[in-house]
Amino acid sequence: MPFLHGIGWILVGLAGIGILYTLVAASLLGRLFRPFSSGPAKAEAVSLLKPLYGAEPRLAANLATFLDQDWDVPVQMVAGVQRQDDPAIAIVAGMDRREIDLIVDSTRHGANAKVANLLNMAPAARHDLIVLSDSDMAVPPNYLATLATALAAPGVGAATCLYRGRGDGGAWSVIAAAGISYQFIPQLAIGLGIGLARPGMGSTIALRRATLDAIGGFRRFADSLADDYELCAAVRGLGLSVVVPPILLVHGCAERSLGDVWRHELRWAATIRTIDRGGYAGTILTHPLPLALLALPFAPATGAGMAVAALAARLLFKIRFDAIAGAASAPSWMLPVRDILSFVVFVASFLVRSVDWRGERLKMEQHGRIVRPSEMPVR
């Protein structure tokens, strides 16, 4: 039937564009990690804000990477939890690091638990240079020096960092890590390469206290789903730029089941969708292999050829990125499984109206706002 053939050729066309997209993304990877043209900035004291929740794999080792830096001035880490029985407390205590100040405070300031944690921690930060980062990140020894150099450039208000995935919790965590390295990074490579991306990532947001105060502090984001993005957008609203320095961090994935992967990635996808609905819909082009497979019933020969080409392009990107990262996030045979799962998450993200955040169900409202089911009043 002409209609069905038309569907097949649309899918083939989208897959073809997706293949080209993947190849361009691979070619742009090197640009993301070009060194600074200026020399290193002068070292200065820094306060690291680390919201914690639970006993994540490698938590102590990940935290230690932020303290073991090529940095000869004071580094303060403010670690925060919201429950007296949080197992992260014992892990932090066991590290026996004098640089860490632990804040235990259950005060809830809005629907976003992470922002509430940051609001409770912020008064303990002693230094002008403030660096926020998620608890599951690990960094190289030149991390603070790179951030300071980025912030020293004229007109820069904040810095945020790229990261790769690392599976810390078994096979499902490796699949999650592959999603970061081989699905998320191509989108950033294209977006940053052509100057359209305006990222703000939980991996790192570094800024000065005066900048944080100028955007209204953390309280402004107490009910935001995409708090990291909105914080960086607020910095841009001051007329300052948010830069992505040439450094690659590591995100430790802890998912131990398909359900864990599904809940985490669906929340992540829904978050990105709230930021830019049109742009997010356009990311269908980042799924060339599933699109080619869907074309098989309508255009078997062409669809099969496109599927082979899509897999080859995706493998090329993986090889290129793994060489830059210095490690593989997942074995090559896992890539088709990862691509199909990513496409299913993409489709499902248009249907959800609530997301799971560390066991708490949050309702999504307009403009990226979230509401707790209990409708707990904002303090």
Foldseek 3Di string as FASTA:
>chain_A
DVVLLVLLVVLLVLLVLLLVLLLVLLVLVVVLQDADPDDWDDADEEEEEEEDAADFFCLLVQVVLVVQAPGDYHYAYEYEYADPPGPVVVVVVVSPDPRYDYYYHNDAFADDPSLRRCVRRVVVTDDFKYKAAYSQKHFHRCVVRQQRRQCPDPQAFKEDEAAAEAERAPDVSLLLRCCRQQQVSSVVSVCVVVVNDQDFDRHMIIGTPVLCVVLPHSSVCSFFLPSRSVSSVSSVVVVGHYYYHNGYMYGYGHDHDPVSSLQVLLSVLLNVCQVPVVVLVVSVSNQSQVSLVVSCVNPVVSSVVSNVSSLVSSVSSQVSSCVVVVHHSHDSVCVVVSSVVNVVSSVCSVVDQWGADPNFIWGADHNRGIAGPVNDDRD
